[in-house]
């Protein structure tokens, strides 16, 4: 159990470090930016580390199953006679 936690933490730290180093290394000439639309988030963000930890802890999403085709069923003799008597 301790190894699993240690492995998870080291993986998260390595990923965060790579992300930070990757982002700090780039410097471009300033270009005009368009204004981004603000979206409301339902929970407080933990920043870069919070996103990485959240992604590590989330289970993988399985592709959604397709809905089954509807199969027509023949009425039983009893239900047919009941319908006839109405």
C-alpha atoms as a PDB file:
ATOM      1  CA  UNK A   1       0.000   0.000   0.000  1.00  0.00           C
ATOM      2  CA  UNK A   2       2.833   2.361   0.874  1.00  0.00           C
ATOM      3  CA  UNK A   3       4.546   1.566  -2.442  1.00  0.00           C
ATOM      4  CA  UNK A   4       1.345   2.363  -4.321  1.00  0.00           C
ATOM      5  CA  UNK A   5       0.997   5.751  -2.610  1.00  0.00           C
ATOM      6  CA  UNK A   6       4.684   6.486  -3.116  1.00  0.00           C
ATOM      7  CA  UNK A   7       4.415   5.607  -6.801  1.00  0.00           C
ATOM      8  CA  UNK A   8       1.299   7.751  -7.235  1.00  0.00           C
ATOM      9  CA  UNK A   9       2.859  10.752  -5.518  1.00  0.00           C
ATOM     10  CA  UNK A  10       6.120  10.474  -7.453  1.00  0.00           C
ATOM     11  CA  UNK A  11       4.202  10.179 -10.718  1.00  0.00           C
ATOM     12  CA  UNK A  12       2.137  13.249  -9.919  1.00  0.00           C
ATOM     13  CA  UNK A  13       5.197  15.229  -8.878  1.00  0.00           C
ATOM     14  CA  UNK A  14       7.092  14.236 -12.040  1.00  0.00           C
ATOM     15  CA  UNK A  15       4.151  15.184 -14.251  1.00  0.00           C
ATOM     16  CA  UNK A  16       3.709  18.517 -12.486  1.00  0.00           C
ATOM     17  CA  UNK A  17       7.408  19.293 -12.751  1.00  0.00           C
ATOM     18  CA  UNK A  18       7.440  18.509 -16.481  1.00  0.00           C
ATOM     19  CA  UNK A  19       4.357  20.667 -16.993  1.00  0.00           C
ATOM     20  CA  UNK A  20       5.829  23.626 -15.124  1.00  0.00           C
ATOM     21  CA  UNK A  21       9.184  23.392 -16.892  1.00  0.00           C
ATOM     22  CA  UNK A  22       7.512  23.037 -20.271  1.00  0.00           C
ATOM     23  CA  UNK A  23       5.391  26.142 -19.704  1.00  0.00           C
ATOM     24  CA  UNK A  24       8.157  28.360 -18.308  1.00  0.00           C
ATOM     25  CA  UNK A  25      10.610  27.674 -21.137  1.00  0.00           C
ATOM     26  CA  UNK A  26       8.584  29.265 -23.925  1.00  0.00           C
ATOM     27  CA  UNK A  27       8.786  32.974 -24.641  1.00  0.00           C
ATOM     28  CA  UNK A  28       7.205  34.416 -27.751  1.00  0.00           C
ATOM     29  CA  UNK A  29       6.693  37.921 -29.012  1.00  0.00           C
ATOM     30  CA  UNK A  30       3.453  39.271 -27.684  1.00  0.00           C
ATOM     31  CA  UNK A  31       0.491  38.804 -29.968  1.00  0.00           C
ATOM     32  CA  UNK A  32      -2.932  40.282 -29.597  1.00  0.00           C
ATOM     33  CA  UNK A  33      -5.195  37.935 -27.686  1.00  0.00           C
ATOM     34  CA  UNK A  34      -8.903  37.617 -28.049  1.00  0.00           C
ATOM     35  CA  UNK A  35     -10.942  37.839 -24.881  1.00  0.00           C
ATOM     36  CA  UNK A  36     -11.948  34.445 -23.542  1.00  0.00           C
ATOM     37  CA  UNK A  37     -15.456  33.699 -22.419  1.00  0.00           C
ATOM     38  CA  UNK A  38     -15.611  33.100 -18.706  1.00  0.00           C
ATOM     39  CA  UNK A  39     -17.254  29.880 -17.636  1.00  0.00           C
ATOM     40  CA  UNK A  40     -18.585  29.183 -14.193  1.00  0.00           C
ATOM     41  CA  UNK A  41     -17.076  26.180 -12.486  1.00  0.00           C
ATOM     42  CA  UNK A  42     -18.990  24.274  -9.892  1.00  0.00           C
ATOM     43  CA  UNK A  43     -16.021  23.621  -7.620  1.00  0.00           C
ATOM     44  CA  UNK A  44     -12.925  25.527  -6.624  1.00  0.00           C
ATOM     45  CA  UNK A  45      -9.943  24.672  -8.775  1.00  0.00           C
ATOM     46  CA  UNK A  46      -6.751  23.402  -7.205  1.00  0.00           C
ATOM     47  CA  UNK A  47      -4.672  24.912  -9.985  1.00  0.00           C
ATOM     48  CA  UNK A  48      -2.237  22.906 -12.063  1.00  0.00           C
ATOM     49  CA  UNK A  49      -1.483  20.350  -9.349  1.00  0.00           C
ATOM     50  CA  UNK A  50      -5.166  19.927  -8.554  1.00  0.00           C
ATOM     51  CA  UNK A  51      -5.933  19.142 -12.195  1.00  0.00           C
ATOM     52  CA  UNK A  52      -3.118  16.599 -12.380  1.00  0.00           C
ATOM     53  CA  UNK A  53      -4.186  14.859  -9.171  1.00  0.00           C
ATOM     54  CA  UNK A  54      -7.827  14.855 -10.268  1.00  0.00           C
ATOM     55  CA  UNK A  55      -6.886  13.300 -13.610  1.00  0.00           C
ATOM     56  CA  UNK A  56      -4.760  10.652 -11.878  1.00  0.00           C
ATOM     57  CA  UNK A  57      -7.526   9.666  -9.473  1.00  0.00           C
ATOM     58  CA  UNK A  58     -10.410   9.619 -11.972  1.00  0.00           C
ATOM     59  CA  UNK A  59     -11.315   6.199 -13.354  1.00  0.00           C
ATOM     60  CA  UNK A  60     -11.159   5.774 -17.119  1.00  0.00           C
ATOM     61  CA  UNK A  61     -14.377   6.444 -18.958  1.00  0.00           C
ATOM     62  CA  UNK A  62     -15.779   3.514 -20.864  1.00  0.00           C
ATOM     63  CA  UNK A  63     -17.416   4.182 -24.210  1.00  0.00           C
ATOM     64  CA  UNK A  64     -21.193   4.349 -23.898  1.00  0.00           C
ATOM     65  CA  UNK A  65     -23.097   1.254 -24.949  1.00  0.00           C
ATOM     66  CA  UNK A  66     -25.364   1.677 -27.935  1.00  0.00           C
ATOM     67  CA  UNK A  67     -29.059   1.337 -27.187  1.00  0.00           C
ATOM     68  CA  UNK A  68     -30.552  -2.011 -28.092  1.00  0.00           C
ATOM     69  CA  UNK A  69     -32.886  -2.229 -31.032  1.00  0.00           C
ATOM     70  CA  UNK A  70     -36.502  -2.645 -30.126  1.00  0.00           C
ATOM     71  CA  UNK A  71     -37.742  -6.104 -31.007  1.00  0.00           C
ATOM     72  CA  UNK A  72     -41.387  -6.512 -31.923  1.00  0.00           C
ATOM     73  CA  UNK A  73     -43.044  -9.300 -29.964  1.00  0.00           C
ATOM     74  CA  UNK A  74     -46.053 -11.263 -31.118  1.00  0.00           C
ATOM     75  CA  UNK A  75     -49.033 -11.066 -28.775  1.00  0.00           C
ATOM     76  CA  UNK A  76     -50.041 -14.234 -26.987  1.00  0.00           C
ATOM     77  CA  UNK A  77     -53.302 -15.870 -27.930  1.00  0.00           C
ATOM     78  CA  UNK A  78     -54.844 -14.811 -24.615  1.00  0.00           C
ATOM     79  CA  UNK A  79     -53.964 -11.150 -25.064  1.00  0.00           C
ATOM     80  CA  UNK A  80     -55.279 -11.202 -28.650  1.00  0.00           C
ATOM     81  CA  UNK A  81     -58.602 -12.610 -27.539  1.00  0.00           C
ATOM     82  CA  UNK A  82     -58.807 -10.043 -24.724  1.00  0.00           C
ATOM     83  CA  UNK A  83     -58.249  -7.260 -27.234  1.00  0.00           C
ATOM     84  CA  UNK A  84     -60.906  -8.720 -29.555  1.00  0.00           C
ATOM     85  CA  UNK A  85     -63.487  -8.761 -26.726  1.00  0.00           C
ATOM     86  CA  UNK A  86     -63.103  -5.072 -25.907  1.00  0.00           C
END
